[in-house]
Every structure is written in structure tokens, then in C-alpha cells.
Amino acid sequence: MNKTFVEFSQQLTPELYEKLKTALELGKWPNGSELSQEQSELCMQAVISYEAVNLSPEERAGYLGQRCKSKNKG
């Protein structure tokens, strides 16, 4: 039985999540080889899926804590 991508990414360990996140940030794997476009996309999907299940919104990549200034008016 094949696991879906979401099921797989939900079972990532915190250590593997950090490695994928670092690979995305640097654009390369720990061994120095570059991530392909497809690898980058899959890593991003895995990181987003992991964060959605395991982290609060404030801890997720890309979180913006402040509201837009225009929304604060009025």
C-alpha cells in the first residue's frame, strides 16, 4: 500500500524537517549537490505539510505577525 504524500510528510521527524528546510534555504543538499527544481518543489510541499500539522501558525515559515497598516485604520 502506497502512502500519500501528505501521510508521508506528516510522519517526518523534526530532524528531517530541519534538513529539508535548510536544503531549501541554501538550495543544496547537505552533501553540497544542488536541489533540482522538482526536488525544491517537493521539499517545499513537505515542509509546508509538516508545519501545518506540527507547528502553530506563529512558528511556520512565512508567518507575518503584524496586520497590514491599512487594515488598522478606521
Protein backbone atom coordinates (compact mmCIF):
# COMPACT_ATOMS: atom_id res chain seq x y z
CA MET A 1 0.00 0.00 0.00
CA ASN A 2 1.44 3.36 -1.05
CA LYS A 3 1.26 6.25 1.37
CA THR A 4 0.06 9.56 0.11
CA PHE A 5 2.43 12.50 0.13
CA VAL A 6 0.56 14.14 2.99
CA GLU A 7 0.72 10.98 5.10
CA PHE A 8 4.44 10.73 4.43
CA SER A 9 5.14 14.36 5.26
CA GLN A 10 3.12 14.11 8.46
CA GLN A 11 5.45 11.35 9.62
CA LEU A 12 8.63 13.37 9.10
CA THR A 13 10.87 13.62 12.12
CA PRO A 14 11.81 17.08 13.40
CA GLU A 15 15.41 16.36 12.34
CA LEU A 16 14.45 15.53 8.76
CA TYR A 17 12.12 18.54 8.64
CA GLU A 18 15.04 20.79 9.64
CA LYS A 19 17.29 19.20 6.98
CA LEU A 20 14.66 19.77 4.27
CA LYS A 21 14.13 23.34 5.43
CA THR A 22 17.89 24.04 5.39
CA ALA A 23 18.21 22.47 1.95
CA LEU A 24 15.51 24.82 0.70
CA GLU A 25 17.16 27.84 2.29
CA LEU A 26 20.57 27.02 0.80
CA GLY A 27 19.39 25.47 -2.46
CA LYS A 28 21.55 22.43 -1.89
CA TRP A 29 21.66 19.15 -0.01
CA PRO A 30 23.98 18.63 2.98
CA ASN A 31 26.48 16.91 0.66
CA GLY A 32 26.71 20.11 -1.45
CA SER A 33 24.79 18.96 -4.52
CA GLU A 34 22.17 21.40 -5.78
CA LEU A 35 18.46 20.78 -5.46
CA SER A 36 16.68 20.36 -8.77
CA GLN A 37 13.51 22.36 -9.40
CA GLU A 38 11.45 19.23 -8.74
CA GLN A 39 13.33 18.50 -5.50
CA SER A 40 12.82 22.08 -4.34
CA GLU A 41 9.09 21.85 -5.02
CA LEU A 42 8.76 18.53 -3.19
CA CYS A 43 10.79 19.79 -0.23
CA MET A 44 8.62 22.89 -0.03
CA GLN A 45 5.45 20.80 -0.07
CA ALA A 46 6.83 18.53 2.65
CA VAL A 47 7.88 21.47 4.84
CA ILE A 48 4.51 23.20 4.46
CA SER A 49 2.62 19.99 5.20
CA TYR A 50 4.80 19.23 8.24
CA GLU A 51 4.34 22.74 9.60
CA ALA A 52 0.58 22.65 9.10
CA VAL A 53 0.32 19.56 11.29
CA ASN A 54 3.08 20.08 13.84
CA LEU A 55 3.59 23.82 14.37
CA SER A 56 1.42 26.70 15.47
CA PRO A 57 0.80 29.41 12.87
CA GLU A 58 3.31 31.68 14.61
CA GLU A 59 6.08 29.08 14.20
CA ARG A 60 5.51 28.40 10.49
CA ALA A 61 7.74 29.70 7.71
CA GLY A 62 6.49 32.95 6.28
CA TYR A 63 4.41 33.94 9.29
CA LEU A 64 3.67 37.65 9.40
CA GLY A 65 2.63 38.68 12.88
CA GLN A 66 1.57 42.21 12.16
CA ARG A 67 -1.54 43.23 10.35
CA CYS A 68 -1.37 45.46 7.33
CA LYS A 69 -1.34 49.13 8.37
CA SER A 70 -4.25 49.87 6.06
CA LYS A 71 -6.36 47.31 7.95
CA ASN A 72 -5.64 49.04 11.25
CA LYS A 73 -7.18 52.31 10.06
CA GLY A 74 -10.82 53.09 10.61
